[in-house]
Amino acid sequence: MILELLLEILEDLHPDVDFENCDSLIDENILDSFDIIALISEINMEFGISIPPDEIVPENFNSAKALYDLIERLSDGDW
C-alpha cells in the first residue's frame, strides 16, 4: 500500500519515468529541487510524516525504494 501510493505520487510528478526500476533519480537529475519539495509535501499529507532537514539527502530520494525505506523508518512501522 505504501509503495503503491508513493509510486502514484512520483508518477504524478514525472509520468514518463519508470520509478519501479530507476535508482538514480537524483544522480541523473530526474528529480530537481522543486520535485523534492513537492514530494516532501505529499509525503507529509499522505503519510502524516515530517521529513527532518537532516534526512533530505540524495540517498533518500534516489529511488522509490529509498523513499519507501525513509517513510518506513520515520513512521516507526505504524503502517
Protein backbone atom coordinates (compact mmCIF):
# COMPACT_ATOMS: atom_id res chain seq x y z
CA MET A 1 0.00 0.00 0.00
CA ILE A 2 2.69 2.49 0.95
CA LEU A 3 4.79 1.70 -2.10
CA GLU A 4 1.80 1.87 -4.46
CA LEU A 5 0.77 5.28 -3.13
CA LEU A 6 4.36 6.50 -3.28
CA LEU A 7 4.65 5.35 -6.90
CA GLU A 8 1.43 7.23 -7.73
CA ILE A 9 2.86 10.40 -6.20
CA LEU A 10 6.10 10.01 -8.16
CA GLU A 11 4.28 9.23 -11.41
CA ASP A 12 2.19 12.38 -11.00
CA LEU A 13 5.45 14.34 -11.00
CA HIS A 14 7.02 12.53 -13.98
CA PRO A 15 4.69 10.12 -15.79
CA ASP A 16 7.42 9.17 -18.26
CA VAL A 17 9.83 7.70 -15.65
CA ASP A 18 9.96 4.03 -14.62
CA PHE A 19 10.12 4.66 -10.88
CA GLU A 20 9.94 0.97 -10.02
CA ASN A 21 13.31 0.32 -11.65
CA CYS A 22 15.15 3.64 -11.59
CA ASP A 23 17.68 4.01 -8.80
CA SER A 24 19.34 7.24 -9.88
CA LEU A 25 16.57 9.85 -9.67
CA ILE A 26 18.87 12.46 -8.17
CA ASP A 27 22.11 11.32 -9.82
CA GLU A 28 20.55 11.63 -13.29
CA ASN A 29 18.72 14.89 -12.45
CA ILE A 30 15.31 13.31 -12.97
CA LEU A 31 14.10 14.90 -9.75
CA ASP A 32 15.00 18.54 -9.14
CA SER A 33 14.69 20.68 -6.02
CA PHE A 34 11.09 21.61 -6.83
CA ASP A 35 10.21 17.93 -7.17
CA ILE A 36 11.82 17.22 -3.79
CA ILE A 37 9.77 19.96 -2.14
CA ALA A 38 6.59 18.61 -3.76
CA LEU A 39 7.48 15.07 -2.63
CA ILE A 40 8.12 16.16 0.94
CA SER A 41 4.77 17.95 0.99
CA GLU A 42 2.90 14.97 -0.49
CA ILE A 43 4.57 12.51 1.89
CA ASN A 44 3.62 14.74 4.80
CA MET A 45 -0.01 14.92 3.66
CA GLU A 46 -0.45 11.28 2.62
CA PHE A 47 1.53 9.57 5.36
CA GLY A 48 1.49 12.15 8.17
CA ILE A 49 5.28 12.16 8.29
CA SER A 50 7.53 15.18 8.64
CA ILE A 51 10.89 14.68 6.98
CA PRO A 52 13.55 16.42 9.06
CA PRO A 53 16.17 18.51 7.24
CA ASP A 54 18.97 16.05 8.01
CA GLU A 55 17.06 13.35 6.08
CA ILE A 56 16.81 15.49 2.93
CA VAL A 57 19.86 13.97 1.29
CA PRO A 58 20.26 12.48 -2.21
CA GLU A 59 20.48 8.91 -0.92
CA ASN A 60 16.94 9.13 0.46
CA PHE A 61 15.47 10.43 -2.81
CA ASN A 62 17.45 8.49 -5.43
CA SER A 63 14.80 5.76 -5.87
CA ALA A 64 11.27 4.82 -4.92
CA LYS A 65 12.78 2.10 -2.70
CA ALA A 66 14.93 4.65 -0.86
CA LEU A 67 11.88 6.86 -0.33
CA TYR A 68 9.87 3.87 0.85
CA ASP A 69 12.62 2.98 3.35
CA LEU A 70 12.67 6.59 4.57
CA ILE A 71 8.89 6.60 5.10
CA GLU A 72 9.07 3.26 6.93
CA ARG A 73 11.91 4.47 9.15
CA LEU A 74 10.22 7.76 10.02
CA SER A 75 6.82 6.17 10.64
CA ASP A 76 8.22 3.69 13.19
CA GLY A 77 6.29 0.91 11.47
CA ASP A 78 2.86 2.39 12.26
CA TRP A 79 1.52 1.01 8.98
